[in-house]
PDB file of all heavy atoms in Angstrom:
ATOM      1  N   SER A   1      24.150  89.550  30.856  1.00  0.00           N
ATOM      2  CA  SER A   1      24.852  90.424  31.815  1.00  0.00           C
ATOM      3  C   SER A   1      25.785  89.624  32.735  1.00  0.00           C
ATOM      4  O   SER A   1      26.578  90.120  33.419  1.00  0.00           O
ATOM      5  CB  SER A   1      23.824  91.239  32.644  1.00  0.00           C
ATOM      6  OG  SER A   1      22.930  90.368  33.290  1.00  0.00           O
ATOM      7  N   ARG A   2      25.484  88.308  32.801  1.00  0.00           N
ATOM      8  CA  ARG A   2      26.241  87.389  33.661  1.00  0.00           C
ATOM      9  C   ARG A   2      27.401  86.666  33.032  1.00  0.00           C
ATOM     10  O   ARG A   2      28.162  85.984  33.571  1.00  0.00           O
ATOM     11  CB  ARG A   2      25.256  86.384  34.361  1.00  0.00           C
ATOM     12  CG  ARG A   2      24.305  87.030  35.312  1.00  0.00           C
ATOM     13  CD  ARG A   2      23.674  86.013  36.284  1.00  0.00           C
ATOM     14  NE  ARG A   2      22.778  85.151  35.606  1.00  0.00           N
ATOM     15  CZ  ARG A   2      21.422  85.500  35.407  1.00  0.00           C
ATOM     16  NH1 ARG A   2      20.983  86.603  35.879  1.00  0.00           N
ATOM     17  NH2 ARG A   2      20.713  84.588  34.809  1.00  0.00           N
ATOM     18  N   TYR A   3      27.552  86.865  31.658  1.00  0.00           N
ATOM     19  CA  TYR A   3      28.596  86.178  30.892  1.00  0.00           C
ATOM     20  C   TYR A   3      29.935  86.886  31.060  1.00  0.00           C
ATOM     21  O   TYR A   3      29.943  88.180  31.097  1.00  0.00           O
ATOM     22  CB  TYR A   3      28.253  86.063  29.485  1.00  0.00           C
ATOM     23  CG  TYR A   3      26.962  85.406  29.057  1.00  0.00           C
ATOM     24  CD1 TYR A   3      26.359  85.638  27.893  1.00  0.00           C
ATOM     25  CD2 TYR A   3      26.484  84.349  29.848  1.00  0.00           C
ATOM     26  CE1 TYR A   3      25.217  84.897  27.502  1.00  0.00           C
ATOM     27  CE2 TYR A   3      25.293  83.589  29.481  1.00  0.00           C
ATOM     28  CZ  TYR A   3      24.747  83.946  28.295  1.00  0.00           C
ATOM     29  OH  TYR A   3      23.557  83.227  27.901  1.00  0.00           O
ATOM     30  N   ARG A   4      30.944  86.164  31.012  1.00  0.00           N
ATOM     31  CA  ARG A   4      32.318  86.695  30.843  1.00  0.00           C
ATOM     32  C   ARG A   4      32.564  86.719  29.375  1.00  0.00           C
ATOM     33  O   ARG A   4      32.590  85.625  28.641  1.00  0.00           O
ATOM     34  CB  ARG A   4      33.348  85.934  31.533  1.00  0.00           C
ATOM     35  CG  ARG A   4      34.704  86.460  31.485  1.00  0.00           C
ATOM     36  CD  ARG A   4      35.737  85.728  32.251  1.00  0.00           C
ATOM     37  NE  ARG A   4      36.157  84.407  31.713  1.00  0.00           N
ATOM     38  CZ  ARG A   4      36.974  83.607  32.140  1.00  0.00           C
ATOM     39  NH1 ARG A   4      37.695  83.970  33.176  1.00  0.00           N
ATOM     40  NH2 ARG A   4      37.231  82.469  31.505  1.00  0.00           N
ATOM     41  N   MET A   5      32.800  87.825  28.745  1.00  0.00           N
ATOM     42  CA  MET A   5      33.010  88.020  27.337  1.00  0.00           C
ATOM     43  C   MET A   5      34.495  88.195  27.007  1.00  0.00           C
ATOM     44  O   MET A   5      35.218  88.873  27.838  1.00  0.00           O
ATOM     45  CB  MET A   5      32.177  89.236  26.818  1.00  0.00           C
ATOM     46  CG  MET A   5      30.757  89.321  27.166  1.00  0.00           C
ATOM     47  SD  MET A   5      29.862  87.886  26.331  1.00  0.00           S
ATOM     48  CE  MET A   5      30.160  88.323  24.607  1.00  0.00           C
ATOM     49  N   GLY A   6      34.892  87.709  25.910  1.00  0.00           N
ATOM     50  CA  GLY A   6      36.327  87.922  25.500  1.00  0.00           C
ATOM     51  C   GLY A   6      36.430  88.072  23.957  1.00  0.00           C
ATOM     52  O   GLY A   6      35.538  87.738  23.220  1.00  0.00           O
ATOM     53  N   TRP A   7      37.645  88.577  23.674  1.00  0.00           N
ATOM     54  CA  TRP A   7      37.992  88.578  22.257  1.00  0.00           C
ATOM     55  C   TRP A   7      39.345  87.881  22.090  1.00  0.00           C
ATOM     56  O   TRP A   7      40.233  88.109  22.881  1.00  0.00           O
ATOM     57  CB  TRP A   7      38.095  90.079  21.635  1.00  0.00           C
ATOM     58  CG  TRP A   7      36.840  90.777  21.470  1.00  0.00           C
ATOM     59  CD1 TRP A   7      36.193  91.565  22.268  1.00  0.00           C
ATOM     60  CD2 TRP A   7      35.997  90.672  20.286  1.00  0.00           C
ATOM     61  NE1 TRP A   7      34.971  92.101  21.762  1.00  0.00           N
ATOM     62  CE2 TRP A   7      34.941  91.523  20.501  1.00  0.00           C
ATOM     63  CE3 TRP A   7      36.105  89.965  19.115  1.00  0.00           C
ATOM     64  CZ2 TRP A   7      33.882  91.693  19.583  1.00  0.00           C
ATOM     65  CZ3 TRP A   7      35.084  90.093  18.158  1.00  0.00           C
ATOM     66  CH2 TRP A   7      34.007  90.935  18.417  1.00  0.00           C
ATOM     67  N   TYR A   8      39.421  86.971  21.196  1.00  0.00           N
ATOM     68  CA  TYR A   8      40.612  86.237  20.738  1.00  0.00           C
ATOM     69  C   TYR A   8      40.899  86.482  19.379  1.00  0.00           C
ATOM     70  O   TYR A   8      40.175  86.973  18.609  1.00  0.00           O
ATOM     71  CB  TYR A   8      40.403  84.679  20.962  1.00  0.00           C
ATOM     72  CG  TYR A   8      40.341  84.214  22.283  1.00  0.00           C
ATOM     73  CD1 TYR A   8      39.122  84.567  23.189  1.00  0.00           C
ATOM     74  CD2 TYR A   8      41.284  83.391  22.942  1.00  0.00           C
ATOM     75  CE1 TYR A   8      39.081  83.984  24.514  1.00  0.00           C
ATOM     76  CE2 TYR A   8      41.235  83.040  24.272  1.00  0.00           C
ATOM     77  CZ  TYR A   8      40.077  83.245  24.951  1.00  0.00           C
ATOM     78  OH  TYR A   8      40.066  82.719  26.271  1.00  0.00           O
ATOM     79  N   ARG A   9      42.135  86.268  19.024  1.00  0.00           N
ATOM     80  CA  ARG A   9      42.538  86.433  17.645  1.00  0.00           C
ATOM     81  C   ARG A   9      43.486  85.250  17.148  1.00  0.00           C
ATOM     82  O   ARG A   9      44.209  84.696  18.167  1.00  0.00           O
ATOM     83  CB  ARG A   9      43.261  87.738  17.423  1.00  0.00           C
ATOM     84  CG  ARG A   9      44.562  87.925  18.049  1.00  0.00           C
ATOM     85  CD  ARG A   9      45.143  89.400  17.706  1.00  0.00           C
ATOM     86  NE  ARG A   9      46.363  89.634  18.328  1.00  0.00           N
ATOM     87  CZ  ARG A   9      46.953  90.737  18.362  1.00  0.00           C
ATOM     88  NH1 ARG A   9      46.299  91.877  17.966  1.00  0.00           N
ATOM     89  NH2 ARG A   9      48.140  90.964  18.965  1.00  0.00           N
ATOM     90  N   GLN A  10      43.485  84.905  16.012  1.00  0.00           N
ATOM     91  CA  GLN A  10      44.365  83.858  15.422  1.00  0.00           C
ATOM     92  C   GLN A  10      44.939  84.286  14.024  1.00  0.00           C
ATOM     93  O   GLN A  10      44.148  84.508  13.187  1.00  0.00           O
ATOM     94  CB  GLN A  10      43.674  82.564  15.293  1.00  0.00           C
ATOM     95  CG  GLN A  10      44.496  81.339  14.872  1.00  0.00           C
ATOM     96  CD  GLN A  10      43.800  80.069  15.106  1.00  0.00           C
ATOM     97  OE1 GLN A  10      42.603  79.982  15.093  1.00  0.00           O
ATOM     98  NE2 GLN A  10      44.657  79.022  15.260  1.00  0.00           N
ATOM     99  N   ALA A  11      46.216  84.432  13.987  1.00  0.00           N
ATOM    100  CA  ALA A  11      46.899  84.776  12.785  1.00  0.00           C
ATOM    101  C   ALA A  11      47.407  83.444  12.196  1.00  0.00           C
ATOM    102  O   ALA A  11      47.583  82.421  12.807  1.00  0.00           O
ATOM    103  CB  ALA A  11      48.202  85.647  13.072  1.00  0.00           C
ATOM    104  N   PRO A  12      47.665  83.384  10.906  1.00  0.00           N
ATOM    105  CA  PRO A  12      48.071  82.217  10.095  1.00  0.00           C
ATOM    106  C   PRO A  12      49.395  81.650  10.844  1.00  0.00           C
ATOM    107  O   PRO A  12      50.336  82.379  11.047  1.00  0.00           O
ATOM    108  CB  PRO A  12      48.384  82.648   8.711  1.00  0.00           C
ATOM    109  CG  PRO A  12      47.560  83.914   8.531  1.00  0.00           C
ATOM    110  CD  PRO A  12      47.493  84.595   9.990  1.00  0.00           C
ATOM    111  N   GLY A  13      49.349  80.410  11.039  1.00  0.00           N
ATOM    112  CA  GLY A  13      50.453  79.662  11.643  1.00  0.00           C
ATOM    113  C   GLY A  13      50.707  79.862  13.162  1.00  0.00           C
ATOM    114  O   GLY A  13      51.675  79.359  13.604  1.00  0.00           O
ATOM    115  N   LYS A  14      49.756  80.512  13.776  1.00  0.00           N
ATOM    116  CA  LYS A  14      49.892  80.897  15.236  1.00  0.00           C
ATOM    117  C   LYS A  14      48.709  80.292  15.980  1.00  0.00           C
ATOM    118  O   LYS A  14      47.704  80.047  15.460  1.00  0.00           O
ATOM    119  CB  LYS A  14      49.981  82.312  15.448  1.00  0.00           C
ATOM    120  CG  LYS A  14      51.241  83.059  14.825  1.00  0.00           C
ATOM    121  CD  LYS A  14      51.212  84.530  15.215  1.00  0.00           C
ATOM    122  CE  LYS A  14      52.601  85.191  14.606  1.00  0.00           C
ATOM    123  NZ  LYS A  14      52.676  86.570  15.003  1.00  0.00           N
ATOM    124  N   GLN A  15      48.920  80.095  17.270  1.00  0.00           N
ATOM    125  CA  GLN A  15      47.908  79.620  18.149  1.00  0.00           C
ATOM    126  C   GLN A  15      46.924  80.843  18.420  1.00  0.00           C
ATOM    127  O   GLN A  15      47.285  82.049  18.338  1.00  0.00           O
ATOM    128  CB  GLN A  15      48.433  79.224  19.496  1.00  0.00           C
ATOM    129  CG  GLN A  15      49.247  78.008  19.399  1.00  0.00           C
ATOM    130  CD  GLN A  15      48.446  76.783  19.100  1.00  0.00           C
ATOM    131  OE1 GLN A  15      47.381  76.491  19.817  1.00  0.00           O
ATOM    132  NE2 GLN A  15      48.867  75.918  18.193  1.00  0.00           N
ATOM    133  N   ARG A  16      45.626  80.463  18.649  1.00  0.00           N
ATOM    134  CA  ARG A  16      44.688  81.484  19.102  1.00  0.00           C
ATOM    135  C   ARG A  16      45.029  82.057  20.399  1.00  0.00           C
ATOM    136  O   ARG A  16      45.534  81.289  21.364  1.00  0.00           O
ATOM    137  CB  ARG A  16      43.338  80.829  19.132  1.00  0.00           C
ATOM    138  CG  ARG A  16      42.224  81.867  19.378  1.00  0.00           C
ATOM    139  CD  ARG A  16      40.785  81.212  19.301  1.00  0.00           C
ATOM    140  NE  ARG A  16      40.559  80.650  17.897  1.00  0.00           N
ATOM    141  CZ  ARG A  16      39.466  80.121  17.501  1.00  0.00           C
ATOM    142  NH1 ARG A  16      38.412  80.122  18.261  1.00  0.00           N
ATOM    143  NH2 ARG A  16      39.315  79.637  16.259  1.00  0.00           N
ATOM    144  N   GLU A  17      45.024  83.378  20.582  1.00  0.00           N
ATOM    145  CA  GLU A  17      45.465  84.058  21.761  1.00  0.00           C
ATOM    146  C   GLU A  17      44.332  84.986  22.267  1.00  0.00           C
ATOM    147  O   GLU A  17      43.667  85.592  21.507  1.00  0.00           O
ATOM    148  CB  GLU A  17      46.754  84.801  21.461  1.00  0.00           C
ATOM    149  CG  GLU A  17      46.543  85.983  20.553  1.00  0.00           C
ATOM    150  CD  GLU A  17      47.899  86.899  20.447  1.00  0.00           C
ATOM    151  OE1 GLU A  17      48.645  86.873  21.407  1.00  0.00           O
ATOM    152  OE2 GLU A  17      47.981  87.627  19.450  1.00  0.00           O
ATOM    153  N   LEU A  18      44.289  85.082  23.595  1.00  0.00           N
ATOM    154  CA  LEU A  18      43.404  85.990  24.193  1.00  0.00           C
ATOM    155  C   LEU A  18      43.855  87.421  24.078  1.00  0.00           C
ATOM    156  O   LEU A  18      44.971  87.752  24.390  1.00  0.00           O
ATOM    157  CB  LEU A  18      43.182  85.621  25.719  1.00  0.00           C
ATOM    158  CG  LEU A  18      42.334  86.525  26.514  1.00  0.00           C
ATOM    159  CD1 LEU A  18      40.888  86.569  26.025  1.00  0.00           C
ATOM    160  CD2 LEU A  18      42.484  86.152  28.085  1.00  0.00           C
ATOM    161  N   VAL A  19      42.991  88.339  23.526  1.00  0.00           N
ATOM    162  CA  VAL A  19      43.297  89.672  23.280  1.00  0.00           C
ATOM    163  C   VAL A  19      42.718  90.487  24.534  1.00  0.00           C
ATOM    164  O   VAL A  19      43.486  91.395  25.057  1.00  0.00           O
ATOM    165  CB  VAL A  19      42.748  90.184  21.946  1.00  0.00           C
ATOM    166  CG1 VAL A  19      42.925  91.681  21.848  1.00  0.00           C
ATOM    167  CG2 VAL A  19      43.304  89.378  20.791  1.00  0.00           C
ATOM    168  N   ALA A  20      41.452  90.335  24.873  1.00  0.00           N
ATOM    169  CA  ALA A  20      40.960  91.118  25.865  1.00  0.00           C
ATOM    170  C   ALA A  20      39.763  90.340  26.494  1.00  0.00           C
ATOM    171  O   ALA A  20      39.117  89.495  25.779  1.00  0.00           O
ATOM    172  CB  ALA A  20      40.438  92.484  25.336  1.00  0.00           C
ATOM    173  N   ARG A  21      39.454  90.640  27.709  1.00  0.00           N
ATOM    174  CA  ARG A  21      38.256  90.041  28.424  1.00  0.00           C
ATOM    175  C   ARG A  21      37.644  91.015  29.274  1.00  0.00           C
ATOM    176  O   ARG A  21      38.307  91.894  29.937  1.00  0.00           O
ATOM    177  CB  ARG A  21      38.834  88.705  29.138  1.00  0.00           C
ATOM    178  CG  ARG A  21      37.873  88.019  29.911  1.00  0.00           C
ATOM    179  CD  ARG A  21      38.486  86.776  30.594  1.00  0.00           C
ATOM    180  NE  ARG A  21      38.704  85.711  29.681  1.00  0.00           N
ATOM    181  CZ  ARG A  21      39.657  84.726  29.856  1.00  0.00           C
ATOM    182  NH1 ARG A  21      40.440  84.757  30.831  1.00  0.00           N
ATOM    183  NH2 ARG A  21      39.717  83.815  28.909  1.00  0.00           N
ATOM    184  N   ILE A  22      36.350  90.828  29.471  1.00  0.00           N
ATOM    185  CA  ILE A  22      35.562  91.750  30.427  1.00  0.00           C
ATOM    186  C   ILE A  22      34.560  90.826  31.149  1.00  0.00           C
ATOM    187  O   ILE A  22      33.889  90.014  30.631  1.00  0.00           O
ATOM    188  CB  ILE A  22      34.849  92.824  29.663  1.00  0.00           C
ATOM    189  CG1 ILE A  22      34.158  93.806  30.655  1.00  0.00           C
ATOM    190  CG2 ILE A  22      33.834  92.310  28.621  1.00  0.00           C
ATOM    191  CD1 ILE A  22      33.682  95.063  30.104  1.00  0.00           C
ATOM    192  N   THR A  23      34.562  90.902  32.519  1.00  0.00           N
ATOM    193  CA  THR A  23      33.717  90.083  33.301  1.00  0.00           C
ATOM    194  C   THR A  23      32.363  90.787  33.470  1.00  0.00           C
ATOM    195  O   THR A  23      32.140  91.911  33.064  1.00  0.00           O
ATOM    196  CB  THR A  23      34.312  89.941  34.706  1.00  0.00           C
ATOM    197  OG1 THR A  23      34.305  91.217  35.379  1.00  0.00           O
ATOM    198  CG2 THR A  23      35.756  89.522  34.651  1.00  0.00           C
ATOM    199  N   SER A  24      31.396  89.979  34.032  1.00  0.00           N
ATOM    200  CA  SER A  24      30.147  90.521  34.341  1.00  0.00           C
ATOM    201  C   SER A  24      30.198  91.741  35.204  1.00  0.00           C
ATOM    202  O   SER A  24      29.258  92.699  35.099  1.00  0.00           O
ATOM    203  CB  SER A  24      29.204  89.415  34.986  1.00  0.00           C
ATOM    204  OG  SER A  24      29.790  89.034  36.222  1.00  0.00           O
ATOM    205  N   GLY A  25      31.257  91.883  36.086  1.00  0.00           N
ATOM    206  CA  GLY A  25      31.355  93.037  36.812  1.00  0.00           C
ATOM    207  C   GLY A  25      32.134  94.258  36.322  1.00  0.00           C
ATOM    208  O   GLY A  25      32.253  95.298  36.963  1.00  0.00           O
ATOM    209  N   GLY A  26      32.478  94.058  35.049  1.00  0.00           N
ATOM    210  CA  GLY A  26      33.163  95.132  34.339  1.00  0.00           C
ATOM    211  C   GLY A  26      34.679  95.151  34.424  1.00  0.00           C
ATOM    212  O   GLY A  26      35.360  95.988  33.871  1.00  0.00           O
ATOM    213  N   SER A  27      35.355  94.166  35.069  1.00  0.00           N
ATOM    214  CA  SER A  27      36.707  94.080  35.172  1.00  0.00           C
ATOM    215  C   SER A  27      37.306  93.691  33.818  1.00  0.00           C
ATOM    216  O   SER A  27      36.734  92.817  33.142  1.00  0.00           O
ATOM    217  CB  SER A  27      37.167  93.051  36.208  1.00  0.00           C
ATOM    218  OG  SER A  27      36.802  93.471  37.522  1.00  0.00           O
ATOM    219  N   THR A  28      38.435  94.229  33.453  1.00  0.00           N
ATOM    220  CA  THR A  28      38.950  93.935  32.104  1.00  0.00           C
ATOM    221  C   THR A  28      40.385  93.425  32.236  1.00  0.00           C
ATOM    222  O   THR A  28      41.120  93.630  33.158  1.00  0.00           O
ATOM    223  CB  THR A  28      39.012  95.253  31.255  1.00  0.00           C
ATOM    224  OG1 THR A  28      39.739  96.311  31.941  1.00  0.00           O
ATOM    225  CG2 THR A  28      37.633  95.719  31.008  1.00  0.00           C
TER     226      THR A  28
END
């Protein structure tokens, strides 16, 4: 419940990018 969670993605030949993030307080 105290972790900041995120989803990243990486396509071939590209850098990994942040897609979405949610904080412990629910901010997105």
